[in-house]
PDB file of N, CA and C in Angstrom:
ATOM      1  N   UNK A   1     -53.109-130.492 -54.133  1.00  0.00           N
ATOM      2  CA  UNK A   1     -53.872-130.135 -52.948  1.00  0.00           C
ATOM      3  C   UNK A   1     -53.603-131.120 -51.799  1.00  0.00           C
ATOM      4  N   UNK A   2     -53.459-132.399 -52.138  1.00  0.00           N
ATOM      5  CA  UNK A   2     -53.213-133.400 -51.099  1.00  0.00           C
ATOM      6  C   UNK A   2     -51.835-133.179 -50.480  1.00  0.00           C
ATOM      7  N   UNK A   3     -50.856-132.841 -51.336  1.00  0.00           N
ATOM      8  CA  UNK A   3     -49.510-132.575 -50.820  1.00  0.00           C
ATOM      9  C   UNK A   3     -49.528-131.379 -49.870  1.00  0.00           C
ATOM     10  N   UNK A   4     -50.256-130.332 -50.248  1.00  0.00           N
ATOM     11  CA  UNK A   4     -50.374-129.153 -49.376  1.00  0.00           C
ATOM     12  C   UNK A   4     -51.038-129.529 -48.056  1.00  0.00           C
ATOM     13  N   UNK A   5     -52.073-130.348 -48.126  1.00  0.00           N
ATOM     14  CA  UNK A   5     -52.763-130.784 -46.913  1.00  0.00           C
ATOM     15  C   UNK A   5     -51.833-131.610 -46.040  1.00  0.00           C
ATOM     16  N   UNK A   6     -51.072-132.494 -46.671  1.00  0.00           N
ATOM     17  CA  UNK A   6     -50.127-133.331 -45.942  1.00  0.00           C
ATOM     18  C   UNK A   6     -49.100-132.466 -45.214  1.00  0.00           C
ATOM     19  N   UNK A   7     -48.513-131.501 -45.931  1.00  0.00           N
ATOM     20  CA  UNK A   7     -47.498-130.634 -45.333  1.00  0.00           C
ATOM     21  C   UNK A   7     -48.086-129.766 -44.220  1.00  0.00           C
ATOM     22  N   UNK A   8     -49.303-129.266 -44.441  1.00  0.00           N
ATOM     23  CA  UNK A   8     -49.956-128.447 -43.411  1.00  0.00           C
ATOM     24  C   UNK A   8     -50.240-129.281 -42.166  1.00  0.00           C
ATOM     25  N   UNK A   9     -50.668-130.535 -42.374  1.00  0.00           N
ATOM     26  CA  UNK A   9     -50.945-131.405 -41.227  1.00  0.00           C
ATOM     27  C   UNK A   9     -49.653-131.760 -40.508  1.00  0.00           C
ATOM     28  N   UNK A  10     -48.580-131.908 -41.265  1.00  0.00           N
ATOM     29  CA  UNK A  10     -47.286-132.211 -40.660  1.00  0.00           C
ATOM     30  C   UNK A  10     -46.857-131.077 -39.732  1.00  0.00           C
ATOM     31  N   UNK A  11     -47.161-129.838 -40.118  1.00  0.00           N
ATOM     32  CA  UNK A  11     -46.836-128.687 -39.267  1.00  0.00           C
ATOM     33  C   UNK A  11     -47.665-128.708 -37.981  1.00  0.00           C
ATOM     34  N   UNK A  12     -48.931-129.044 -38.111  1.00  0.00           N
ATOM     35  CA  UNK A  12     -49.824-129.098 -36.938  1.00  0.00           C
ATOM     36  C   UNK A  12     -49.449-130.282 -36.053  1.00  0.00           C
ATOM     37  N   UNK A  13     -49.161-131.402 -36.708  1.00  0.00           N
ATOM     38  CA  UNK A  13     -48.829-132.630 -35.978  1.00  0.00           C
ATOM     39  C   UNK A  13     -49.848-133.709 -36.271  1.00  0.00           C
ATOM     40  N   UNK A  14     -49.345-134.909 -36.551  1.00  0.00           N
ATOM     41  CA  UNK A  14     -50.239-136.027 -36.856  1.00  0.00           C
ATOM     42  C   UNK A  14     -50.965-136.507 -35.610  1.00  0.00           C
ATOM     43  N   UNK A  15     -50.377-136.304 -34.446  1.00  0.00           N
ATOM     44  CA  UNK A  15     -51.091-136.676 -33.224  1.00  0.00           C
ATOM     45  C   UNK A  15     -52.356-135.838 -33.083  1.00  0.00           C
ATOM     46  N   UNK A  16     -52.299-134.596 -33.555  1.00  0.00           N
ATOM     47  CA  UNK A  16     -53.503-133.751 -33.522  1.00  0.00           C
ATOM     48  C   UNK A  16     -54.548-134.259 -34.518  1.00  0.00           C
ATOM     49  N   UNK A  17     -54.096-134.761 -35.656  1.00  0.00           N
ATOM     50  CA  UNK A  17     -55.037-135.305 -36.645  1.00  0.00           C
ATOM     51  C   UNK A  17     -55.818-136.461 -36.034  1.00  0.00           C
ATOM     52  N   UNK A  18     -55.122-137.273 -35.250  1.00  0.00           N
ATOM     53  CA  UNK A  18     -55.788-138.408 -34.631  1.00  0.00           C
ATOM     54  C   UNK A  18     -56.762-137.982 -33.545  1.00  0.00           C
ATOM     55  N   UNK A  19     -56.677-136.741 -33.135  1.00  0.00           N
ATOM     56  CA  UNK A  19     -57.630-136.196 -32.155  1.00  0.00           C
ATOM     57  C   UNK A  19     -58.711-135.351 -32.825  1.00  0.00           C
ATOM     58  N   UNK A  20     -58.716-135.368 -34.164  1.00  0.00           N
ATOM     59  CA  UNK A  20     -59.738-134.638 -34.900  1.00  0.00           C
ATOM     60  C   UNK A  20     -59.342-133.229 -35.269  1.00  0.00           C
ATOM     61  N   UNK A  21     -58.124-132.834 -34.997  1.00  0.00           N
ATOM     62  CA  UNK A  21     -57.662-131.485 -35.333  1.00  0.00           C
ATOM     63  C   UNK A  21     -56.952-131.534 -36.678  1.00  0.00           C
ATOM     64  N   UNK A  22     -57.739-131.362 -37.719  1.00  0.00           N
ATOM     65  CA  UNK A  22     -57.217-131.477 -39.074  1.00  0.00           C
ATOM     66  C   UNK A  22     -56.954-130.106 -39.674  1.00  0.00           C
ATOM     67  N   UNK A  23     -55.984-130.075 -40.559  1.00  0.00           N
ATOM     68  CA  UNK A  23     -55.715-128.857 -41.312  1.00  0.00           C
ATOM     69  C   UNK A  23     -56.898-128.566 -42.229  1.00  0.00           C
ATOM     70  N   UNK A  24     -57.213-127.294 -42.413  1.00  0.00           N
ATOM     71  CA  UNK A  24     -58.287-126.908 -43.331  1.00  0.00           C
ATOM     72  C   UNK A  24     -57.940-127.296 -44.764  1.00  0.00           C
ATOM     73  N   UNK A  25     -56.671-127.524 -45.026  1.00  0.00           N
ATOM     74  CA  UNK A  25     -56.236-127.926 -46.372  1.00  0.00           C
ATOM     75  C   UNK A  25     -56.827-129.279 -46.778  1.00  0.00           C
ATOM     76  N   UNK A  26     -57.151-130.140 -45.804  1.00  0.00           N
ATOM     77  CA  UNK A  26     -57.775-131.423 -46.136  1.00  0.00           C
ATOM     78  C   UNK A  26     -59.147-131.190 -46.762  1.00  0.00           C
ATOM     79  N   UNK A  27     -59.867-130.205 -46.262  1.00  0.00           N
ATOM     80  CA  UNK A  27     -61.169-129.876 -46.836  1.00  0.00           C
ATOM     81  C   UNK A  27     -60.994-129.392 -48.268  1.00  0.00           C
ATOM     82  N   UNK A  28     -59.958-128.566 -48.501  1.00  0.00           N
ATOM     83  CA  UNK A  28     -59.689-128.090 -49.860  1.00  0.00           C
ATOM     84  C   UNK A  28     -59.401-129.264 -50.796  1.00  0.00           C
ATOM     85  N   UNK A  29     -58.583-130.208 -50.326  1.00  0.00           N
ATOM     86  CA  UNK A  29     -58.244-131.376 -51.140  1.00  0.00           C
ATOM     87  C   UNK A  29     -59.482-132.216 -51.429  1.00  0.00           C
ATOM     88  N   UNK A  30     -60.327-132.401 -50.433  1.00  0.00           N
ATOM     89  CA  UNK A  30     -61.553-133.191 -50.616  1.00  0.00           C
ATOM     90  C   UNK A  30     -62.495-132.490 -51.586  1.00  0.00           C
ATOM     91  N   UNK A  31     -62.624-131.186 -51.457  1.00  0.00           N
ATOM     92  CA  UNK A  31     -63.497-130.424 -52.357  1.00  0.00           C
ATOM     93  C   UNK A  31     -62.994-130.522 -53.790  1.00  0.00           C
ATOM     94  N   UNK A  32     -61.684-130.378 -53.981  1.00  0.00           N
ATOM     95  CA  UNK A  32     -61.102-130.497 -55.319  1.00  0.00           C
ATOM     96  C   UNK A  32     -61.367-131.890 -55.893  1.00  0.00           C
ATOM     97  N   UNK A  33     -61.225-132.900 -55.072  1.00  0.00           N
ATOM     98  CA  UNK A  33     -61.455-134.280 -55.514  1.00  0.00           C
ATOM     99  C   UNK A  33     -62.906-134.494 -55.932  1.00  0.00           C
ATOM    100  N   UNK A  34     -63.837-134.074 -55.095  1.00  0.00           N
ATOM    101  CA  UNK A  34     -65.249-134.302 -55.416  1.00  0.00           C
ATOM    102  C   UNK A  34     -65.686-133.470 -56.615  1.00  0.00           C
ATOM    103  N   UNK A  35     -65.147-132.264 -56.757  1.00  0.00           N
ATOM    104  CA  UNK A  35     -65.479-131.421 -57.903  1.00  0.00           C
ATOM    105  C   UNK A  35     -64.971-132.055 -59.191  1.00  0.00           C
ATOM    106  N   UNK A  36     -63.765-132.623 -59.134  1.00  0.00           N
ATOM    107  CA  UNK A  36     -63.196-133.252 -60.334  1.00  0.00           C
ATOM    108  C   UNK A  36     -63.981-134.493 -60.750  1.00  0.00           C
ATOM    109  N   UNK A  37     -64.741-135.061 -59.820  1.00  0.00           N
ATOM    110  CA  UNK A  37     -65.551-136.242 -60.133  1.00  0.00           C
ATOM    111  C   UNK A  37     -66.999-135.861 -60.466  1.00  0.00           C
ATOM    112  N   UNK A  38     -67.261-134.567 -60.595  1.00  0.00           N
ATOM    113  CA  UNK A  38     -68.592-134.120 -60.975  1.00  0.00           C
ATOM    114  C   UNK A  38     -69.540-133.940 -59.814  1.00  0.00           C
ATOM    115  N   UNK A  39     -69.021-133.936 -58.579  1.00  0.00           N
ATOM    116  CA  UNK A  39     -69.859-133.749 -57.397  1.00  0.00           C
ATOM    117  C   UNK A  39     -69.319-132.551 -56.617  1.00  0.00           C
ATOM    118  N   UNK A  40     -69.846-131.363 -56.896  1.00  0.00           N
ATOM    119  CA  UNK A  40     -69.271-130.154 -56.303  1.00  0.00           C
ATOM    120  C   UNK A  40     -69.622-129.907 -54.831  1.00  0.00           C
ATOM    121  N   UNK A  41     -70.378-130.791 -54.220  1.00  0.00           N
ATOM    122  CA  UNK A  41     -70.747-130.586 -52.805  1.00  0.00           C
ATOM    123  C   UNK A  41     -69.511-130.580 -51.919  1.00  0.00           C
ATOM    124  N   UNK A  42     -69.561-129.761 -50.898  1.00  0.00           N
ATOM    125  CA  UNK A  42     -68.466-129.720 -49.903  1.00  0.00           C
ATOM    126  C   UNK A  42     -68.634-130.926 -48.981  1.00  0.00           C
ATOM    127  N   UNK A  43     -67.686-131.844 -49.032  1.00  0.00           N
ATOM    128  CA  UNK A  43     -67.787-133.063 -48.236  1.00  0.00           C
ATOM    129  C   UNK A  43     -66.661-133.175 -47.223  1.00  0.00           C
ATOM    130  N   UNK A  44     -66.184-132.041 -46.748  1.00  0.00           N
ATOM    131  CA  UNK A  44     -65.111-132.044 -45.755  1.00  0.00           C
ATOM    132  C   UNK A  44     -65.483-132.804 -44.500  1.00  0.00           C
ATOM    133  N   UNK A  45     -66.759-132.838 -44.190  1.00  0.00           N
ATOM    134  CA  UNK A  45     -67.208-133.557 -42.994  1.00  0.00           C
ATOM    135  C   UNK A  45     -66.886-135.054 -43.094  1.00  0.00           C
ATOM    136  N   UNK A  46     -66.807-135.565 -44.328  1.00  0.00           N
ATOM    137  CA  UNK A  46     -66.487-136.984 -44.504  1.00  0.00           C
ATOM    138  C   UNK A  46     -65.109-137.320 -43.961  1.00  0.00           C
ATOM    139  N   UNK A  47     -64.173-136.411 -44.124  1.00  0.00           N
ATOM    140  CA  UNK A  47     -62.819-136.651 -43.625  1.00  0.00           C
ATOM    141  C   UNK A  47     -62.847-136.798 -42.111  1.00  0.00           C
ATOM    142  N   UNK A  48     -63.538-135.880 -41.448  1.00  0.00           N
ATOM    143  CA  UNK A  48     -63.610-135.930 -39.984  1.00  0.00           C
ATOM    144  C   UNK A  48     -64.308-137.211 -39.539  1.00  0.00           C
ATOM    145  N   UNK A  49     -65.390-137.571 -40.197  1.00  0.00           N
ATOM    146  CA  UNK A  49     -66.112-138.799 -39.839  1.00  0.00           C
ATOM    147  C   UNK A  49     -65.223-140.029 -40.022  1.00  0.00           C
ATOM    148  N   UNK A  50     -64.485-140.074 -41.125  1.00  0.00           N
ATOM    149  CA  UNK A  50     -63.602-141.210 -41.365  1.00  0.00           C
ATOM    150  C   UNK A  50     -62.481-141.260 -40.333  1.00  0.00           C
ATOM    151  N   UNK A  51     -61.957-140.095 -39.960  1.00  0.00           N
ATOM    152  CA  UNK A  51     -60.903-140.054 -38.939  1.00  0.00           C
ATOM    153  C   UNK A  51     -61.438-140.564 -37.603  1.00  0.00           C
ATOM    154  N   UNK A  52     -62.641-140.143 -37.226  1.00  0.00           N
ATOM    155  CA  UNK A  52     -63.215-140.599 -35.957  1.00  0.00           C
ATOM    156  C   UNK A  52     -63.482-142.100 -35.974  1.00  0.00           C
ATOM    157  N   UNK A  53     -63.935-142.614 -37.109  1.00  0.00           N
ATOM    158  CA  UNK A  53     -64.155-144.055 -37.209  1.00  0.00           C
ATOM    159  C   UNK A  53     -62.830-144.809 -37.071  1.00  0.00           C
ATOM    160  N   UNK A  54     -61.793-144.297 -37.740  1.00  0.00           N
ATOM    161  CA  UNK A  54     -60.480-144.938 -37.651  1.00  0.00           C
ATOM    162  C   UNK A  54     -59.961-144.879 -36.217  1.00  0.00           C
ATOM    163  N   UNK A  55     -60.107-143.738 -35.561  1.00  0.00           N
ATOM    164  CA  UNK A  55     -59.650-143.587 -34.178  1.00  0.00           C
ATOM    165  C   UNK A  55     -60.405-144.524 -33.248  1.00  0.00           C
ATOM    166  N   UNK A  56     -61.693-144.688 -33.495  1.00  0.00           N
ATOM    167  CA  UNK A  56     -62.496-145.587 -32.671  1.00  0.00           C
ATOM    168  C   UNK A  56     -61.981-147.014 -32.793  1.00  0.00           C
ATOM    169  N   UNK A  57     -61.663-147.441 -34.009  1.00  0.00           N
ATOM    170  CA  UNK A  57     -61.132-148.789 -34.223  1.00  0.00           C
ATOM    171  C   UNK A  57     -59.757-148.949 -33.564  1.00  0.00           C
ATOM    172  N   UNK A  58     -58.921-147.923 -33.684  1.00  0.00           N
ATOM    173  CA  UNK A  58     -57.596-147.968 -33.054  1.00  0.00           C
ATOM    174  C   UNK A  58     -57.749-148.053 -31.537  1.00  0.00           C
ATOM    175  N   UNK A  59     -58.660-147.258 -30.978  1.00  0.00           N
ATOM    176  CA  UNK A  59     -58.883-147.247 -29.531  1.00  0.00           C
ATOM    177  C   UNK A  59     -59.374-148.609 -29.045  1.00  0.00           C
ATOM    178  N   UNK A  60     -60.296-149.211 -29.783  1.00  0.00           N
ATOM    179  CA  UNK A  60     -60.807-150.527 -29.400  1.00  0.00           C
ATOM    180  C   UNK A  60     -59.697-151.577 -29.442  1.00  0.00           C
ATOM    181  N   UNK A  61     -58.886-151.540 -30.491  1.00  0.00           N
ATOM    182  CA  UNK A  61     -57.777-152.497 -30.606  1.00  0.00           C
ATOM    183  C   UNK A  61     -56.778-152.286 -29.476  1.00  0.00           C
ATOM    184  N   UNK A  62     -56.486-151.038 -29.150  1.00  0.00           N
ATOM    185  CA  UNK A  62     -55.555-150.712 -28.068  1.00  0.00           C
ATOM    186  C   UNK A  62     -56.085-151.232 -26.738  1.00  0.00           C
ATOM    187  N   UNK A  63     -57.359-151.042 -26.495  1.00  0.00           N
ATOM    188  CA  UNK A  63     -57.956-151.510 -25.242  1.00  0.00           C
ATOM    189  C   UNK A  63     -57.906-153.032 -25.129  1.00  0.00           C
ATOM    190  N   UNK A  64     -58.140-153.724 -26.233  1.00  0.00           N
ATOM    191  CA  UNK A  64     -58.057-155.184 -26.206  1.00  0.00           C
ATOM    192  C   UNK A  64     -56.632-155.642 -25.900  1.00  0.00           C
ATOM    193  N   UNK A  65     -55.652-154.956 -26.501  1.00  0.00           N
ATOM    194  CA  UNK A  65     -54.254-155.313 -26.230  1.00  0.00           C
ATOM    195  C   UNK A  65     -53.869-154.980 -24.792  1.00  0.00           C
ATOM    196  N   UNK A  66     -54.348-153.865 -24.290  1.00  0.00           N
ATOM    197  CA  UNK A  66     -53.982-153.407 -22.950  1.00  0.00           C
ATOM    198  C   UNK A  66     -54.686-154.205 -21.858  1.00  0.00           C
ATOM    199  N   UNK A  67     -55.971-154.499 -22.060  1.00  0.00           N
ATOM    200  CA  UNK A  67     -56.782-155.078 -20.992  1.00  0.00           C
ATOM    201  C   UNK A  67     -57.179-156.535 -21.214  1.00  0.00           C
ATOM    202  N   UNK A  68     -56.953-157.052 -22.411  1.00  0.00           N
ATOM    203  CA  UNK A  68     -57.301-158.442 -22.683  1.00  0.00           C
ATOM    204  C   UNK A  68     -58.646-158.576 -23.365  1.00  0.00           C
ATOM    205  N   UNK A  69     -58.870-159.749 -23.944  1.00  0.00           N
ATOM    206  CA  UNK A  69     -60.105-159.975 -24.693  1.00  0.00           C
ATOM    207  C   UNK A  69     -61.112-160.831 -23.940  1.00  0.00           C
ATOM    208  N   UNK A  70     -60.654-161.560 -22.926  1.00  0.00           N
ATOM    209  CA  UNK A  70     -61.565-162.413 -22.154  1.00  0.00           C
ATOM    210  C   UNK A  70     -61.538-161.968 -20.689  1.00  0.00           C
ATOM    211  N   UNK A  71     -62.515-162.434 -19.940  1.00  0.00           N
ATOM    212  CA  UNK A  71     -62.574-162.099 -18.511  1.00  0.00           C
ATOM    213  C   UNK A  71     -61.329-162.632 -17.796  1.00  0.00           C
ATOM    214  N   UNK A  72     -60.878-163.810 -18.193  1.00  0.00           N
ATOM    215  CA  UNK A  72     -59.695-164.391 -17.563  1.00  0.00           C
ATOM    216  C   UNK A  72     -58.450-163.544 -17.847  1.00  0.00           C
ATOM    217  N   UNK A  73     -58.295-163.126 -19.114  1.00  0.00           N
ATOM    218  CA  UNK A  73     -57.159-162.279 -19.480  1.00  0.00           C
ATOM    219  C   UNK A  73     -57.190-160.957 -18.706  1.00  0.00           C
ATOM    220  N   UNK A  74     -58.376-160.354 -18.631  1.00  0.00           N
ATOM    221  CA  UNK A  74     -58.510-159.079 -17.905  1.00  0.00           C
ATOM    222  C   UNK A  74     -58.130-159.256 -16.443  1.00  0.00           C
ATOM    223  N   UNK A  75     -58.566-160.345 -15.852  1.00  0.00           N
ATOM    224  CA  UNK A  75     -58.260-160.614 -14.449  1.00  0.00           C
ATOM    225  C   UNK A  75     -56.758-160.813 -14.244  1.00  0.00           C
ATOM    226  N   UNK A  76     -56.130-161.569 -15.128  1.00  0.00           N
ATOM    227  CA  UNK A  76     -54.688-161.806 -15.025  1.00  0.00           C
ATOM    228  C   UNK A  76     -53.899-160.509 -15.166  1.00  0.00           C
ATOM    229  N   UNK A  77     -54.297-159.673 -16.131  1.00  0.00           N
ATOM    230  CA  UNK A  77     -53.586-158.402 -16.335  1.00  0.00           C
ATOM    231  C   UNK A  77     -53.802-157.445 -15.165  1.00  0.00           C
ATOM    232  N   UNK A  78     -55.007-157.457 -14.623  1.00  0.00           N
ATOM    233  CA  UNK A  78     -55.292-156.607 -13.472  1.00  0.00           C
ATOM    234  C   UNK A  78     -54.446-157.040 -12.271  1.00  0.00           C
ATOM    235  N   UNK A  79     -54.353-158.343 -12.055  1.00  0.00           N
ATOM    236  CA  UNK A  79     -53.543-158.881 -10.962  1.00  0.00           C
ATOM    237  C   UNK A  79     -52.068-158.545 -11.168  1.00  0.00           C
ATOM    238  N   UNK A  80     -51.588-158.680 -12.404  1.00  0.00           N
ATOM    239  CA  UNK A  80     -50.183-158.371 -12.699  1.00  0.00           C
ATOM    240  C   UNK A  80     -49.879-156.897 -12.422  1.00  0.00           C
ATOM    241  N   UNK A  81     -50.788-156.012 -12.820  1.00  0.00           N
ATOM    242  CA  UNK A  81     -50.579-154.579 -12.566  1.00  0.00           C
ATOM    243  C   UNK A  81     -50.573-154.283 -11.064  1.00  0.00           C
ATOM    244  N   UNK A  82     -51.480-154.911 -10.347  1.00  0.00           N
ATOM    245  CA  UNK A  82     -51.537-154.705  -8.898  1.00  0.00           C
ATOM    246  C   UNK A  82     -50.260-155.208  -8.237  1.00  0.00           C
ATOM    247  N   UNK A  83     -49.771-156.375  -8.685  1.00  0.00           N
ATOM    248  CA  UNK A  83     -48.518-156.904  -8.144  1.00  0.00           C
ATOM    249  C   UNK A  83     -47.352-155.954  -8.397  1.00  0.00           C
ATOM    250  N   UNK A  84     -47.313-155.351  -9.574  1.00  0.00           N
ATOM    251  CA  UNK A  84     -46.264-154.369  -9.880  1.00  0.00           C
ATOM    252  C   UNK A  84     -46.342-153.175  -8.927  1.00  0.00           C
ATOM    253  N   UNK A  85     -47.556-152.693  -8.712  1.00  0.00           N
ATOM    254  CA  UNK A  85     -47.735-151.539  -7.815  1.00  0.00           C
ATOM    255  C   UNK A  85     -47.341-151.885  -6.387  1.00  0.00           C
ATOM    256  N   UNK A  86     -47.722-153.074  -5.935  1.00  0.00           N
ATOM    257  CA  UNK A  86     -47.367-153.497  -4.577  1.00  0.00           C
ATOM    258  C   UNK A  86     -45.861-153.656  -4.423  1.00  0.00           C
ATOM    259  N   UNK A  87     -45.215-154.250  -5.424  1.00  0.00           N
ATOM    260  CA  UNK A  87     -43.764-154.421  -5.382  1.00  0.00           C
ATOM    261  C   UNK A  87     -43.072-153.068  -5.330  1.00  0.00           C
ATOM    262  N   UNK A  88     -43.537-152.142  -6.139  1.00  0.00           N
ATOM    263  CA  UNK A  88     -42.936-150.800  -6.150  1.00  0.00           C
ATOM    264  C   UNK A  88     -43.117-150.123  -4.792  1.00  0.00           C
ATOM    265  N   UNK A  89     -44.303-150.222  -4.232  1.00  0.00           N
ATOM    266  CA  UNK A  89     -44.557-149.616  -2.922  1.00  0.00           C
ATOM    267  C   UNK A  89     -43.672-150.249  -1.854  1.00  0.00           C
ATOM    268  N   UNK A  90     -43.526-151.567  -1.904  1.00  0.00           N
ATOM    269  CA  UNK A  90     -42.686-152.261  -0.930  1.00  0.00           C
ATOM    270  C   UNK A  90     -41.228-151.862  -1.098  1.00  0.00           C
ATOM    271  N   UNK A  91     -40.763-151.781  -2.344  1.00  0.00           N
ATOM    272  CA  UNK A  91     -39.374-151.397  -2.615  1.00  0.00           C
ATOM    273  C   UNK A  91     -39.071-149.974  -2.151  1.00  0.00           C
ATOM    274  N   UNK A  92     -40.083-149.131  -2.137  1.00  0.00           N
ATOM    275  CA  UNK A  92     -39.865-147.727  -1.784  1.00  0.00           C
ATOM    276  C   UNK A  92     -40.285-147.397  -0.354  1.00  0.00           C
ATOM    277  N   UNK A  93     -40.557-148.402   0.445  1.00  0.00           N
ATOM    278  CA  UNK A  93     -41.076-148.139   1.790  1.00  0.00           C
ATOM    279  C   UNK A  93     -40.095-147.352   2.648  1.00  0.00           C
ATOM    280  N   UNK A  94     -38.799-147.536   2.430  1.00  0.00           N
ATOM    281  CA  UNK A  94     -37.817-146.825   3.259  1.00  0.00           C
ATOM    282  C   UNK A  94     -37.635-145.378   2.826  1.00  0.00           C
ATOM    283  N   UNK A  95     -38.237-145.017   1.706  1.00  0.00           N
ATOM    284  CA  UNK A  95     -38.194-143.625   1.257  1.00  0.00           C
ATOM    285  C   UNK A  95     -39.254-142.787   1.969  1.00  0.00           C
ATOM    286  N   UNK A  96     -40.188-143.437   2.635  1.00  0.00           N
ATOM    287  CA  UNK A  96     -41.248-142.743   3.351  1.00  0.00           C
ATOM    288  C   UNK A  96     -40.794-142.415   4.768  1.00  0.00           C
ATOM    289  N   UNK A  97     -41.438-141.415   5.318  1.00  0.00           N
ATOM    290  CA  UNK A  97     -41.121-141.065   6.704  1.00  0.00           C
ATOM    291  C   UNK A  97     -41.656-142.139   7.647  1.00  0.00           C
ATOM    292  N   UNK A  98     -41.183-142.166   8.872  1.00  0.00           N
ATOM    293  CA  UNK A  98     -41.623-143.158   9.875  1.00  0.00           C
ATOM    294  C   UNK A  98     -43.127-143.038  10.098  1.00  0.00           C
ATOM    295  N   UNK A  99     -43.646-141.837  10.115  1.00  0.00           N
ATOM    296  CA  UNK A  99     -45.085-141.623  10.347  1.00  0.00           C
ATOM    297  C   UNK A  99     -45.897-142.231   9.207  1.00  0.00           C
ATOM    298  N   UNK A 100     -45.447-142.018   7.965  1.00  0.00           N
ATOM    299  CA  UNK A 100     -46.166-142.551   6.798  1.00  0.00           C
ATOM    300  C   UNK A 100     -46.168-144.069   6.803  1.00  0.00           C
ATOM    301  N   UNK A 101     -45.083-144.677   7.239  1.00  0.00           N
ATOM    302  CA  UNK A 101     -45.012-146.137   7.251  1.00  0.00           C
ATOM    303  C   UNK A 101     -45.950-146.755   8.266  1.00  0.00           C
ATOM    304  N   UNK A 102     -46.276-146.035   9.318  1.00  0.00           N
ATOM    305  CA  UNK A 102     -47.139-146.582  10.363  1.00  0.00           C
ATOM    306  C   UNK A 102     -48.609-146.475  10.012  1.00  0.00           C
ATOM    307  N   UNK A 103     -48.959-145.674   9.047  1.00  0.00           N
ATOM    308  CA  UNK A 103     -50.371-145.471   8.700  1.00  0.00           C
ATOM    309  C   UNK A 103     -50.931-146.556   7.867  1.00  0.00           C
TER     310      UNK A 103
END
């Protein structure tokens, strides 16, 4: 059942799994697992809850890497991004029309 769920999810796409779009086969695999352990309740919701918890942790880690962990780091990264944008705008100033450059 797990192999079927894996293959079905592969068809849908793992990026979709990370967004909560899971194959129904995962529910079948979970039901088979819980039934084999003497607990016949349908616990498919546990898979979705675990996926959301994992995604939340991944998102938090990504934000810390992207934006920094301290106020000083955040400020430095914000300044660096602004400098990149300003440099790009300055480098492309001659691509703008004369009217746009005067505004």
